[in-house]
C-alpha atoms as a PDB file:
ATOM      1  CA  MET A   1     103.218  99.382 116.011  1.00  0.00           C
ATOM      2  CA  GLN A   2     103.054 103.157 116.373  1.00  0.00           C
ATOM      3  CA  GLU A   3     100.048 104.602 118.166  1.00  0.00           C
ATOM      4  CA  GLU A   4      97.009 105.573 116.099  1.00  0.00           C
ATOM      5  CA  ASP A   5      97.290 109.278 116.870  1.00  0.00           C
ATOM      6  CA  THR A   6     100.759 109.405 115.319  1.00  0.00           C
ATOM      7  CA  TYR A   7      99.867 107.760 112.009  1.00  0.00           C
ATOM      8  CA  ARG A   8     101.402 109.540 109.095  1.00  0.00           C
ATOM      9  CA  LYS A   9     100.170 109.309 105.526  1.00  0.00           C
ATOM     10  CA  ILE A  10     103.103 108.603 103.249  1.00  0.00           C
ATOM     11  CA  ILE A  11     103.078 108.095  99.487  1.00  0.00           C
ATOM     12  CA  HIS A  12     105.973 106.572  97.601  1.00  0.00           C
ATOM     13  CA  VAL A  13     105.769 107.451  93.904  1.00  0.00           C
ATOM     14  CA  ASP A  14     107.913 105.434  91.506  1.00  0.00           C
ATOM     15  CA  MET A  15     107.996 106.238  87.793  1.00  0.00           C
ATOM     16  CA  ASP A  16     107.568 103.142  85.634  1.00  0.00           C
ATOM     17  CA  ALA A  17     110.732 102.230  83.665  1.00  0.00           C
ATOM     18  CA  PHE A  18     111.504 105.950  83.719  1.00  0.00           C
ATOM     19  CA  TYR A  19     114.536 106.336  81.447  1.00  0.00           C
ATOM     20  CA  ALA A  20     113.225 103.834  78.911  1.00  0.00           C
ATOM     21  CA  SER A  21     109.733 105.356  79.009  1.00  0.00           C
ATOM     22  CA  VAL A  22     111.142 108.823  78.294  1.00  0.00           C
ATOM     23  CA  GLU A  23     113.000 107.418  75.290  1.00  0.00           C
ATOM     24  CA  GLN A  24     109.804 105.787  74.027  1.00  0.00           C
ATOM     25  CA  LEU A  25     107.914 109.028  74.624  1.00  0.00           C
ATOM     26  CA  ASP A  26     110.364 111.074  72.566  1.00  0.00           C
ATOM     27  CA  ASN A  27     110.802 108.457  69.838  1.00  0.00           C
ATOM     28  CA  PRO A  28     107.476 106.874  68.802  1.00  0.00           C
ATOM     29  CA  GLU A  29     109.366 104.219  66.798  1.00  0.00           C
ATOM     30  CA  LEU A  30     110.552 102.722  70.108  1.00  0.00           C
ATOM     31  CA  ARG A  31     107.088 102.335  71.601  1.00  0.00           C
ATOM     32  CA  GLY A  32     106.050  98.776  72.248  1.00  0.00           C
ATOM     33  CA  LYS A  33     109.590  97.533  71.625  1.00  0.00           C
ATOM     34  CA  PRO A  34     112.235  96.187  74.035  1.00  0.00           C
ATOM     35  CA  VAL A  35     114.524  99.103  74.871  1.00  0.00           C
ATOM     36  CA  ALA A  36     117.664  99.240  77.000  1.00  0.00           C
ATOM     37  CA  VAL A  37     119.072 102.595  78.046  1.00  0.00           C
ATOM     38  CA  GLY A  38     122.856 102.343  78.228  1.00  0.00           C
ATOM     39  CA  GLY A  39     125.116  99.449  77.369  1.00  0.00           C
ATOM     40  CA  SER A  40     125.534  97.770  74.002  1.00  0.00           C
ATOM     41  CA  GLU A  41     125.547  94.257  72.628  1.00  0.00           C
ATOM     42  CA  VAL A  42     129.342  94.234  73.052  1.00  0.00           C
ATOM     43  CA  ARG A  43     129.812  95.705  76.539  1.00  0.00           C
ATOM     44  CA  GLY A  44     128.611  98.345  78.961  1.00  0.00           C
ATOM     45  CA  VAL A  45     125.877  98.166  81.567  1.00  0.00           C
ATOM     46  CA  VAL A  46     122.132  98.633  81.156  1.00  0.00           C
ATOM     47  CA  SER A  47     120.884 101.648  83.145  1.00  0.00           C
ATOM     48  CA  ALA A  48     117.202 100.953  82.551  1.00  0.00           C
ATOM     49  CA  ALA A  49     115.010  98.562  80.581  1.00  0.00           C
ATOM     50  CA  SER A  50     111.513  98.978  79.175  1.00  0.00           C
ATOM     51  CA  TYR A  51     108.830  96.580  80.332  1.00  0.00           C
ATOM     52  CA  GLU A  52     108.937  94.948  76.903  1.00  0.00           C
ATOM     53  CA  ALA A  53     112.597  94.125  77.571  1.00  0.00           C
ATOM     54  CA  ARG A  54     111.947  93.052  81.158  1.00  0.00           C
ATOM     55  CA  LYS A  55     109.666  90.282  79.894  1.00  0.00           C
ATOM     56  CA  PHE A  56     112.835  88.649  78.554  1.00  0.00           C
ATOM     57  CA  GLY A  57     114.652  89.024  81.882  1.00  0.00           C
ATOM     58  CA  VAL A  58     116.574  92.194  81.040  1.00  0.00           C
ATOM     59  CA  ARG A  59     117.219  94.300  84.139  1.00  0.00           C
ATOM     60  CA  SER A  60     119.150  97.413  85.134  1.00  0.00           C
ATOM     61  CA  ALA A  61     122.808  96.828  86.094  1.00  0.00           C
ATOM     62  CA  MET A  62     122.929  93.864  83.688  1.00  0.00           C
ATOM     63  CA  SER A  63     125.714  93.774  81.113  1.00  0.00           C
ATOM     64  CA  GLY A  64     124.708  94.777  77.617  1.00  0.00           C
ATOM     65  CA  TYR A  65     126.116  91.512  76.331  1.00  0.00           C
ATOM     66  CA  LEU A  66     123.849  89.456  78.597  1.00  0.00           C
ATOM     67  CA  ALA A  67     120.852  91.645  77.757  1.00  0.00           C
ATOM     68  CA  LYS A  68     121.445  90.904  74.079  1.00  0.00           C
ATOM     69  CA  GLN A  69     121.627  87.180  74.827  1.00  0.00           C
ATOM     70  CA  LYS A  70     118.319  87.278  76.680  1.00  0.00           C
ATOM     71  CA  CYS A  71     116.607  89.514  74.145  1.00  0.00           C
ATOM     72  CA  PRO A  72     118.240  89.313  70.680  1.00  0.00           C
ATOM     73  CA  HIS A  73     116.014  92.057  69.239  1.00  0.00           C
ATOM     74  CA  ILE A  74     116.645  94.546  72.050  1.00  0.00           C
ATOM     75  CA  ILE A  75     117.310  98.161  71.050  1.00  0.00           C
ATOM     76  CA  PHE A  76     120.131  99.968  72.868  1.00  0.00           C
ATOM     77  CA  VAL A  77     119.881 103.762  73.218  1.00  0.00           C
ATOM     78  CA  LYS A  78     122.317 106.193  74.773  1.00  0.00           C
ATOM     79  CA  PRO A  79     121.158 107.783  78.052  1.00  0.00           C
ATOM     80  CA  ARG A  80     120.149 111.455  77.958  1.00  0.00           C
ATOM     81  CA  TYR A  81     120.392 112.568  81.550  1.00  0.00           C
ATOM     82  CA  ASP A  82     119.581 116.195  80.728  1.00  0.00           C
ATOM     83  CA  ARG A  83     116.216 115.090  79.389  1.00  0.00           C
ATOM     84  CA  TYR A  84     115.536 112.793  82.355  1.00  0.00           C
ATOM     85  CA  GLN A  85     116.367 115.646  84.739  1.00  0.00           C
ATOM     86  CA  GLU A  86     114.024 117.951  82.824  1.00  0.00           C
ATOM     87  CA  ILE A  87     111.125 115.507  83.095  1.00  0.00           C
ATOM     88  CA  SER A  88     111.931 114.710  86.733  1.00  0.00           C
ATOM     89  CA  THR A  89     111.721 118.414  87.582  1.00  0.00           C
ATOM     90  CA  LYS A  90     108.262 118.604  86.014  1.00  0.00           C
ATOM     91  CA  VAL A  91     107.119 115.557  87.986  1.00  0.00           C
ATOM     92  CA  ARG A  92     108.310 117.142  91.228  1.00  0.00           C
ATOM     93  CA  GLU A  93     106.457 120.342  90.389  1.00  0.00           C
ATOM     94  CA  ILE A  94     103.287 118.236  90.436  1.00  0.00           C
ATOM     95  CA  PHE A  95     104.264 116.797  93.829  1.00  0.00           C
ATOM     96  CA  TYR A  96     104.740 120.274  95.276  1.00  0.00           C
ATOM     97  CA  GLU A  97     101.175 121.200  94.346  1.00  0.00           C
ATOM     98  CA  TYR A  98     100.091 118.745  97.035  1.00  0.00           C
ATOM     99  CA  THR A  99     102.765 119.035  99.733  1.00  0.00           C
ATOM    100  CA  ASP A 100     106.092 120.660 100.498  1.00  0.00           C
ATOM    101  CA  LEU A 101     107.208 117.486 102.276  1.00  0.00           C
ATOM    102  CA  VAL A 102     108.786 115.799  99.258  1.00  0.00           C
ATOM    103  CA  GLU A 103     111.927 113.685  99.598  1.00  0.00           C
ATOM    104  CA  PRO A 104     113.395 112.720  96.209  1.00  0.00           C
ATOM    105  CA  LEU A 105     115.334 109.442  96.257  1.00  0.00           C
ATOM    106  CA  SER A 106     116.443 109.701  92.639  1.00  0.00           C
ATOM    107  CA  LEU A 107     115.186 111.187  89.384  1.00  0.00           C
ATOM    108  CA  ASP A 108     112.362 108.650  89.221  1.00  0.00           C
ATOM    109  CA  GLU A 109     111.090 108.178  92.768  1.00  0.00           C
ATOM    110  CA  ALA A 110     110.184 110.181  95.852  1.00  0.00           C
ATOM    111  CA  TYR A 111     108.415 110.073  99.191  1.00  0.00           C
ATOM    112  CA  LEU A 112     105.573 112.490  99.910  1.00  0.00           C
ATOM    113  CA  ASP A 113     104.090 113.181 103.331  1.00  0.00           C
ATOM    114  CA  VAL A 114     100.459 114.167 102.737  1.00  0.00           C
ATOM    115  CA  THR A 115      99.325 113.923 106.370  1.00  0.00           C
ATOM    116  CA  LYS A 116      98.546 117.596 106.049  1.00  0.00           C
ATOM    117  CA  ASN A 117      98.346 118.579 102.373  1.00  0.00           C
ATOM    118  CA  LYS A 118      97.667 121.666 100.294  1.00  0.00           C
ATOM    119  CA  LYS A 119      94.474 120.239  98.811  1.00  0.00           C
ATOM    120  CA  GLY A 120      92.878 119.531 102.174  1.00  0.00           C
ATOM    121  CA  ASN A 121      92.142 116.001 100.975  1.00  0.00           C
ATOM    122  CA  PRO A 122      91.902 113.505 103.868  1.00  0.00           C
ATOM    123  CA  SER A 123      92.522 110.507 101.579  1.00  0.00           C
ATOM    124  CA  ALA A 124      96.144 109.716 100.768  1.00  0.00           C
ATOM    125  CA  SER A 125      94.958 107.048  98.321  1.00  0.00           C
ATOM    126  CA  LEU A 126      92.915 109.557  96.334  1.00  0.00           C
ATOM    127  CA  ILE A 127      95.831 112.000  96.336  1.00  0.00           C
ATOM    128  CA  ALA A 128      98.155 109.284  94.965  1.00  0.00           C
ATOM    129  CA  GLN A 129      95.647 108.471  92.207  1.00  0.00           C
ATOM    130  CA  GLU A 130      95.276 112.144  91.357  1.00  0.00           C
ATOM    131  CA  ILE A 131      99.054 112.626  91.202  1.00  0.00           C
ATOM    132  CA  ARG A 132      99.459 109.612  88.909  1.00  0.00           C
ATOM    133  CA  ASP A 133      96.677 110.908  86.665  1.00  0.00           C
ATOM    134  CA  ARG A 134      98.326 114.327  86.532  1.00  0.00           C
ATOM    135  CA  ILE A 135     101.677 112.816  85.566  1.00  0.00           C
ATOM    136  CA  TYR A 136     100.056 110.950  82.694  1.00  0.00           C
ATOM    137  CA  ASP A 137      97.879 113.856  81.530  1.00  0.00           C
ATOM    138  CA  ASP A 138     100.719 116.384  81.636  1.00  0.00           C
ATOM    139  CA  LEU A 139     103.711 114.262  80.660  1.00  0.00           C
ATOM    140  CA  GLU A 140     102.286 111.086  79.066  1.00  0.00           C
ATOM    141  CA  LEU A 141     104.263 108.913  81.478  1.00  0.00           C
ATOM    142  CA  ARG A 142     103.079 106.259  83.907  1.00  0.00           C
ATOM    143  CA  ALA A 143     103.833 106.029  87.609  1.00  0.00           C
ATOM    144  CA  SER A 144     103.051 103.586  90.392  1.00  0.00           C
ATOM    145  CA  ALA A 145     102.506 104.390  94.058  1.00  0.00           C
ATOM    146  CA  GLY A 146     102.454 102.856  97.510  1.00  0.00           C
ATOM    147  CA  ILE A 147     100.505 104.415 100.364  1.00  0.00           C
ATOM    148  CA  SER A 148     100.807 103.625 104.062  1.00  0.00           C
ATOM    149  CA  ILE A 149     101.738 104.876 107.527  1.00  0.00           C
ATOM    150  CA  ASN A 150     105.496 105.099 107.022  1.00  0.00           C
ATOM    151  CA  LYS A 151     108.188 105.249 104.352  1.00  0.00           C
ATOM    152  CA  PHE A 152     109.199 101.597 104.605  1.00  0.00           C
ATOM    153  CA  ILE A 153     105.728 100.150 104.002  1.00  0.00           C
ATOM    154  CA  ALA A 154     104.901 102.714 101.303  1.00  0.00           C
ATOM    155  CA  LYS A 155     108.107 101.769  99.456  1.00  0.00           C
ATOM    156  CA  VAL A 156     107.252  98.059  99.580  1.00  0.00           C
ATOM    157  CA  ALA A 157     103.642  98.739  98.555  1.00  0.00           C
ATOM    158  CA  SER A 158     104.592 100.750  95.461  1.00  0.00           C
ATOM    159  CA  ASP A 159     106.076  97.638  93.874  1.00  0.00           C
ATOM    160  CA  ILE A 160     103.009  95.452  94.335  1.00  0.00           C
ATOM    161  CA  ASN A 161     100.840  96.672  91.454  1.00  0.00           C
ATOM    162  CA  LYS A 162     103.555  97.842  89.066  1.00  0.00           C
ATOM    163  CA  PRO A 163     103.396  99.020  86.376  1.00  0.00           C
ATOM    164  CA  ASN A 164     100.792 101.788  86.388  1.00  0.00           C
ATOM    165  CA  GLY A 165      99.113 100.838  89.645  1.00  0.00           C
ATOM    166  CA  GLN A 166      98.997 101.627  93.324  1.00  0.00           C
ATOM    167  CA  LYS A 167      98.529  99.820  96.602  1.00  0.00           C
ATOM    168  CA  THR A 168      97.327 101.157  99.933  1.00  0.00           C
ATOM    169  CA  ILE A 169      98.220  99.405 103.185  1.00  0.00           C
ATOM    170  CA  ASN A 170      95.770 100.810 105.725  1.00  0.00           C
ATOM    171  CA  PRO A 171      96.788 101.118 109.404  1.00  0.00           C
ATOM    172  CA  GLU A 172      94.723  98.121 110.469  1.00  0.00           C
ATOM    173  CA  GLU A 173      96.267  96.006 107.691  1.00  0.00           C
ATOM    174  CA  VAL A 174      99.906  96.761 108.398  1.00  0.00           C
ATOM    175  CA  LEU A 175     100.761  93.955 110.807  1.00  0.00           C
ATOM    176  CA  SER A 176      99.083  91.173 108.828  1.00  0.00           C
ATOM    177  CA  PHE A 177     100.622  92.518 105.612  1.00  0.00           C
ATOM    178  CA  LEU A 178     104.119  92.457 107.094  1.00  0.00           C
ATOM    179  CA  GLU A 179     103.659  89.027 108.631  1.00  0.00           C
ATOM    180  CA  ASP A 180     102.692  87.555 105.253  1.00  0.00           C
ATOM    181  CA  LEU A 181     105.406  89.408 103.298  1.00  0.00           C
ATOM    182  CA  PRO A 182     108.343  87.282 102.024  1.00  0.00           C
ATOM    183  CA  VAL A 183     111.564  88.560 103.574  1.00  0.00           C
ATOM    184  CA  ASN A 184     113.144  89.090 100.152  1.00  0.00           C
ATOM    185  CA  LYS A 185     110.410  91.698  99.529  1.00  0.00           C
ATOM    186  CA  PHE A 186     111.405  93.711 102.588  1.00  0.00           C
ATOM    187  CA  TYR A 187     113.053  96.917 101.427  1.00  0.00           C
ATOM    188  CA  GLY A 188     116.613  96.832 102.754  1.00  0.00           C
ATOM    189  CA  VAL A 189     116.942  93.048 102.685  1.00  0.00           C
ATOM    190  CA  GLY A 190     119.272  92.153  99.811  1.00  0.00           C
ATOM    191  CA  LYS A 191     119.941  88.791  98.189  1.00  0.00           C
ATOM    192  CA  VAL A 192     122.727  87.831 100.589  1.00  0.00           C
ATOM    193  CA  THR A 193     120.723  88.677 103.703  1.00  0.00           C
ATOM    194  CA  ALA A 194     117.600  86.997 102.316  1.00  0.00           C
ATOM    195  CA  ALA A 195     119.596  83.818 101.659  1.00  0.00           C
ATOM    196  CA  LYS A 196     120.957  83.920 105.215  1.00  0.00           C
ATOM    197  CA  MET A 197     117.445  84.333 106.577  1.00  0.00           C
ATOM    198  CA  HIS A 198     116.188  81.419 104.488  1.00  0.00           C
ATOM    199  CA  ASN A 199     118.966  79.229 105.887  1.00  0.00           C
ATOM    200  CA  LEU A 200     117.752  80.182 109.363  1.00  0.00           C
ATOM    201  CA  GLY A 201     114.168  79.236 108.513  1.00  0.00           C
ATOM    202  CA  ILE A 202     113.037  82.850 108.122  1.00  0.00           C
ATOM    203  CA  PHE A 203     110.907  83.046 104.976  1.00  0.00           C
ATOM    204  CA  LYS A 204     108.156  85.507 105.846  1.00  0.00           C
ATOM    205  CA  GLY A 205     107.601  88.364 108.221  1.00  0.00           C
ATOM    206  CA  GLU A 206     105.861  86.085 110.680  1.00  0.00           C
ATOM    207  CA  ASP A 207     109.060  83.998 110.908  1.00  0.00           C
ATOM    208  CA  LEU A 208     111.151  87.132 111.416  1.00  0.00           C
ATOM    209  CA  LYS A 209     108.767  88.353 114.103  1.00  0.00           C
ATOM    210  CA  LYS A 210     109.380  85.219 116.186  1.00  0.00           C
ATOM    211  CA  LYS A 211     113.021  86.200 116.653  1.00  0.00           C
ATOM    212  CA  SER A 212     113.865  88.292 119.690  1.00  0.00           C
ATOM    213  CA  LEU A 213     115.798  91.532 119.429  1.00  0.00           C
ATOM    214  CA  GLU A 214     118.769  89.812 121.040  1.00  0.00           C
ATOM    215  CA  GLU A 215     118.693  86.987 118.488  1.00  0.00           C
ATOM    216  CA  LEU A 216     118.424  89.350 115.526  1.00  0.00           C
ATOM    217  CA  THR A 217     121.239  91.541 116.825  1.00  0.00           C
ATOM    218  CA  THR A 218     123.438  88.477 117.271  1.00  0.00           C
ATOM    219  CA  LEU A 219     122.628  87.245 113.769  1.00  0.00           C
ATOM    220  CA  PHE A 220     122.641  90.538 111.844  1.00  0.00           C
ATOM    221  CA  GLY A 221     124.509  93.049 113.970  1.00  0.00           C
ATOM    222  CA  LYS A 222     123.157  96.619 113.967  1.00  0.00           C
ATOM    223  CA  SER A 223     120.651  95.707 111.254  1.00  0.00           C
ATOM    224  CA  GLY A 224     118.958  93.405 113.758  1.00  0.00           C
ATOM    225  CA  GLN A 225     117.263  96.368 115.439  1.00  0.00           C
ATOM    226  CA  PHE A 226     115.986  97.560 112.051  1.00  0.00           C
ATOM    227  CA  TYR A 227     114.498  94.146 111.204  1.00  0.00           C
ATOM    228  CA  PHE A 228     112.954  93.880 114.674  1.00  0.00           C
ATOM    229  CA  ASN A 229     111.227  97.241 114.231  1.00  0.00           C
ATOM    230  CA  ILE A 230     110.038  97.084 110.644  1.00  0.00           C
ATOM    231  CA  VAL A 231     108.312  93.710 110.951  1.00  0.00           C
ATOM    232  CA  ARG A 232     106.272  95.354 113.735  1.00  0.00           C
ATOM    233  CA  GLY A 233     105.392  98.336 111.566  1.00  0.00           C
ATOM    234  CA  MET A 234     107.789 100.671 113.363  1.00  0.00           C
ATOM    235  CA  HIS A 235     109.750 102.996 111.083  1.00  0.00           C
ATOM    236  CA  LYS A 236     110.050 106.552 112.361  1.00  0.00           C
ATOM    237  CA  SER A 237     112.156 108.036 109.565  1.00  0.00           C
ATOM    238  CA  LYS A 238     110.556 111.299 108.503  1.00  0.00           C
ATOM    239  CA  VAL A 239     110.150 112.552 104.954  1.00  0.00           C
ATOM    240  CA  LYS A 240     113.085 114.939 104.563  1.00  0.00           C
ATOM    241  CA  PRO A 241     112.232 117.659 102.029  1.00  0.00           C
ATOM    242  CA  ASP A 242     115.754 119.041 102.061  1.00  0.00           C
ATOM    243  CA  ARG A 243     117.534 115.720 101.667  1.00  0.00           C
ATOM    244  CA  ILE A 244     121.210 116.501 101.227  1.00  0.00           C
ATOM    245  CA  ARG A 245     122.933 115.319  98.096  1.00  0.00           C
ATOM    246  CA  LYS A 246     126.238 113.800  99.143  1.00  0.00           C
ATOM    247  CA  SER A 247     127.963 113.423  95.792  1.00  0.00           C
ATOM    248  CA  ILE A 248     127.752 114.213  92.089  1.00  0.00           C
ATOM    249  CA  ALA A 249     129.440 111.984  89.521  1.00  0.00           C
ATOM    250  CA  ALA A 250     129.929 111.245  85.843  1.00  0.00           C
ATOM    251  CA  GLU A 251     131.429 108.119  84.333  1.00  0.00           C
ATOM    252  CA  ARG A 252     131.789 106.275  81.047  1.00  0.00           C
ATOM    253  CA  THR A 253     132.255 102.667  79.962  1.00  0.00           C
ATOM    254  CA  PHE A 254     134.398 102.307  76.843  1.00  0.00           C
ATOM    255  CA  SER A 255     133.722 100.128  73.809  1.00  0.00           C
ATOM    256  CA  GLU A 256     137.345  98.953  73.949  1.00  0.00           C
ATOM    257  CA  ASN A 257     139.692  98.640  76.910  1.00  0.00           C
ATOM    258  CA  ILE A 258     142.277 101.411  77.298  1.00  0.00           C
ATOM    259  CA  SER A 259     145.872 100.819  78.362  1.00  0.00           C
ATOM    260  CA  SER A 260     147.468 104.226  77.858  1.00  0.00           C
ATOM    261  CA  GLU A 261     147.190 107.074  80.381  1.00  0.00           C
ATOM    262  CA  ILE A 262     147.311 109.526  77.461  1.00  0.00           C
ATOM    263  CA  PHE A 263     144.114 108.075  75.997  1.00  0.00           C
ATOM    264  CA  MET A 264     142.592 107.960  79.469  1.00  0.00           C
ATOM    265  CA  LEU A 265     143.206 111.674  79.939  1.00  0.00           C
ATOM    266  CA  GLU A 266     141.366 112.356  76.689  1.00  0.00           C
ATOM    267  CA  ARG A 267     138.362 110.380  77.954  1.00  0.00           C
ATOM    268  CA  LEU A 268     138.581 111.965  81.394  1.00  0.00           C
ATOM    269  CA  ASP A 269     138.488 115.416  79.822  1.00  0.00           C
ATOM    270  CA  LYS A 270     135.107 114.581  78.258  1.00  0.00           C
ATOM    271  CA  ILE A 271     133.836 113.101  81.509  1.00  0.00           C
ATOM    272  CA  ALA A 272     134.994 116.234  83.333  1.00  0.00           C
ATOM    273  CA  GLU A 273     132.956 118.383  80.942  1.00  0.00           C
ATOM    274  CA  GLU A 274     129.836 116.399  81.824  1.00  0.00           C
ATOM    275  CA  LEU A 275     130.603 116.609  85.542  1.00  0.00           C
ATOM    276  CA  GLU A 276     131.129 120.362  85.318  1.00  0.00           C
ATOM    277  CA  ARG A 277     127.747 120.713  83.603  1.00  0.00           C
ATOM    278  CA  ARG A 278     126.046 118.721  86.360  1.00  0.00           C
ATOM    279  CA  MET A 279     127.769 120.752  89.080  1.00  0.00           C
ATOM    280  CA  ILE A 280     126.708 124.030  87.492  1.00  0.00           C
ATOM    281  CA  ASN A 281     123.124 122.865  86.893  1.00  0.00           C
ATOM    282  CA  SER A 282     122.802 121.789  90.519  1.00  0.00           C
ATOM    283  CA  GLU A 283     124.511 124.999  91.717  1.00  0.00           C
ATOM    284  CA  THR A 284     126.926 122.854  93.695  1.00  0.00           C
ATOM    285  CA  LYS A 285     130.638 122.886  94.460  1.00  0.00           C
ATOM    286  CA  GLY A 286     132.792 120.276  96.171  1.00  0.00           C
ATOM    287  CA  LYS A 287     136.119 119.747  97.897  1.00  0.00           C
ATOM    288  CA  THR A 288     136.735 115.996  97.498  1.00  0.00           C
ATOM    289  CA  ILE A 289     137.513 114.680  94.005  1.00  0.00           C
ATOM    290  CA  THR A 290     137.436 110.935  93.424  1.00  0.00           C
ATOM    291  CA  LEU A 291     138.705 109.072  90.384  1.00  0.00           C
ATOM    292  CA  LYS A 292     136.987 105.744  89.758  1.00  0.00           C
ATOM    293  CA  ILE A 293     138.772 103.098  87.695  1.00  0.00           C
ATOM    294  CA  LYS A 294     137.240  99.784  86.660  1.00  0.00           C
ATOM    295  CA  TYR A 295     139.701  97.382  85.072  1.00  0.00           C
ATOM    296  CA  SER A 296     139.110  94.862  82.304  1.00  0.00           C
ATOM    297  CA  ASP A 297     138.921  92.080  84.913  1.00  0.00           C
ATOM    298  CA  PHE A 298     136.082  94.047  86.600  1.00  0.00           C
ATOM    299  CA  THR A 299     138.109  94.889  89.699  1.00  0.00           C
ATOM    300  CA  GLN A 300     137.551  98.458  90.809  1.00  0.00           C
ATOM    301  CA  GLN A 301     139.745 101.120  92.375  1.00  0.00           C
ATOM    302  CA  THR A 302     139.083 104.634  93.670  1.00  0.00           C
ATOM    303  CA  ARG A 303     141.582 107.398  94.355  1.00  0.00           C
ATOM    304  CA  SER A 304     140.555 110.551  96.200  1.00  0.00           C
ATOM    305  CA  LYS A 305     141.938 113.903  97.215  1.00  0.00           C
ATOM    306  CA  THR A 306     140.390 116.670  99.306  1.00  0.00           C
ATOM    307  CA  VAL A 307     141.406 120.263  98.609  1.00  0.00           C
ATOM    308  CA  HIS A 308     141.042 123.302 100.863  1.00  0.00           C
ATOM    309  CA  HIS A 309     138.514 125.227  98.770  1.00  0.00           C
ATOM    310  CA  PHE A 310     135.368 124.397  96.812  1.00  0.00           C
ATOM    311  CA  LEU A 311     135.702 123.580  93.118  1.00  0.00           C
ATOM    312  CA  GLN A 312     133.209 123.417  90.273  1.00  0.00           C
ATOM    313  CA  LYS A 313     134.811 124.189  86.923  1.00  0.00           C
ATOM    314  CA  LYS A 314     136.715 121.632  84.869  1.00  0.00           C
ATOM    315  CA  GLU A 315     139.769 123.862  84.672  1.00  0.00           C
ATOM    316  CA  GLU A 316     139.853 123.855  88.478  1.00  0.00           C
ATOM    317  CA  PHE A 317     139.502 120.129  89.217  1.00  0.00           C
ATOM    318  CA  MET A 318     141.042 118.519  86.122  1.00  0.00           C
ATOM    319  CA  PRO A 319     144.627 118.996  87.424  1.00  0.00           C
ATOM    320  CA  VAL A 320     143.600 117.025  90.528  1.00  0.00           C
ATOM    321  CA  VAL A 321     142.128 114.281  88.349  1.00  0.00           C
ATOM    322  CA  LYS A 322     145.368 114.097  86.392  1.00  0.00           C
ATOM    323  CA  GLU A 323     147.336 113.867  89.625  1.00  0.00           C
ATOM    324  CA  LEU A 324     145.115 111.002  90.810  1.00  0.00           C
ATOM    325  CA  LEU A 325     145.525 109.149  87.517  1.00  0.00           C
ATOM    326  CA  TYR A 326     149.313 109.207  87.793  1.00  0.00           C
ATOM    327  CA  GLN A 327     149.259 108.606  91.549  1.00  0.00           C
ATOM    328  CA  GLU A 328     150.171 104.961  91.051  1.00  0.00           C
ATOM    329  CA  LYS A 329     150.700 102.504  88.230  1.00  0.00           C
ATOM    330  CA  LEU A 330     147.614 101.022  86.608  1.00  0.00           C
ATOM    331  CA  GLN A 331     146.958  97.383  87.431  1.00  0.00           C
ATOM    332  CA  ASN A 332     145.453  96.396  84.080  1.00  0.00           C
ATOM    333  CA  SER A 333     143.734  97.801  81.027  1.00  0.00           C
ATOM    334  CA  VAL A 334     140.704  99.948  81.855  1.00  0.00           C
ATOM    335  CA  ARG A 335     137.064  99.547  80.793  1.00  0.00           C
ATOM    336  CA  LEU A 336     135.463 102.389  82.799  1.00  0.00           C
ATOM    337  CA  LEU A 337     136.512 105.753  84.190  1.00  0.00           C
ATOM    338  CA  GLY A 338     134.546 108.084  86.411  1.00  0.00           C
ATOM    339  CA  ILE A 339     134.967 111.313  88.340  1.00  0.00           C
ATOM    340  CA  SER A 340     132.900 112.321  91.341  1.00  0.00           C
ATOM    341  CA  PHE A 341     132.663 115.206  93.771  1.00  0.00           C
ATOM    342  CA  GLY A 342     132.029 114.706  97.477  1.00  0.00           C
ATOM    343  CA  ASN A 343     132.174 117.019 100.475  1.00  0.00           C
ATOM    344  CA  LEU A 344     129.693 119.311  98.734  1.00  0.00           C
ATOM    345  CA  ASP A 345     128.770 122.835  99.784  1.00  0.00           C
ATOM    346  CA  THR A 346     125.158 121.902 100.566  1.00  0.00           C
ATOM    347  CA  GLU A 347     123.691 123.290 103.749  1.00  0.00           C
ATOM    348  CA  LYS A 348     121.353 121.265 105.914  1.00  0.00           C
ATOM    349  CA  LYS A 349     118.133 122.925 107.006  1.00  0.00           C
ATOM    350  CA  GLU A 350     115.680 121.807 109.649  1.00  0.00           C
ATOM    351  CA  PRO A 351     112.682 120.259 107.850  1.00  0.00           C
ATOM    352  CA  PHE A 352     109.144 121.316 108.696  1.00  0.00           C
ATOM    353  CA  TRP A 353     107.297 118.383 110.203  1.00  0.00           C
ATOM    354  CA  VAL A 354     103.738 117.751 111.314  1.00  0.00           C
ATOM    355  CA  GLN A 355     101.847 114.697 112.502  1.00  0.00           C
ATOM    356  CA  LEU A 356      98.069 114.673 112.420  1.00  0.00           C
ATOM    357  CA  LYS A 357      95.410 111.974 112.423  1.00  0.00           C
ATOM    358  CA  PHE A 358      93.219 111.642 109.316  1.00  0.00           C
ATOM    359  CA  GLU A 359      91.329 108.868 107.615  1.00  0.00           C
ATOM    360  CA  PHE A 360      93.200 106.945 104.949  1.00  0.00           C
END
């Protein structure tokens, strides 16, 4: 594990059922009821589920049809990303009162390095509690947090006492915590990898730790080094306050499958309007336009084109989208269309970084 004098104090803050909680905040009639943001009882995919819905097994990325089967009285609401962005910005403003080293992962979660913080508070645990209290007092929303010596352990810890809780893994507790942690709880170990580990007799961190670097590399390729390090508490990734956004996208799942390119262009025009709004709000332009097509049999296809100059407005990139649509014949009827921008005009800056030793 890393030496004591290089301990960092990292907080991972994760908003509880963020999209669904915002909907319940804005609509008191939804409070205490099972809510799914996105999807419908016929089709579509759930973007987020309230904790009342999760009790029935409803999860994000689940089909609306299955969510309805699991929870017959579930309430579907349309996502309002403008509102979620607005609230997310306010949450981050709270973060910045404590440190400039904030790395957003999405609208509802972020890493904070509070090794040296604006409040001069030596306790990362107390800072996390104060931040969570501020979020509730100012915005009436709940958040959970994980606190430890690096991003990996803080991320794992934030899930332990959810919802509306926090967990601190102190430096002296790190190794025993990781040894006792089921491998499927390791951030970065998905279902397929966890199943492979189980077949190899690797169920907890202590089992993983018995494998040599050579064995892990043979079994898991480049990821073997990662697994070797993290089970020993080694994760040197810094909190990157200027984390570069690599793409911006907008997509829509349709209530009925579409077979005609003419109808698809009508839908794409609406999607392009939303994408333009997101590009303008983020003050971003891009050179690579990608058309995403998901067919009725759930197979997916992407078609991309990179232009020589940066685009942002719908009138600029819609001709490219149209070209991509007619690039080749459709394979089937279509249930989802999306447009995304890559190769963005974001500039990378060198992040400020400091490592100091304080009490947890």
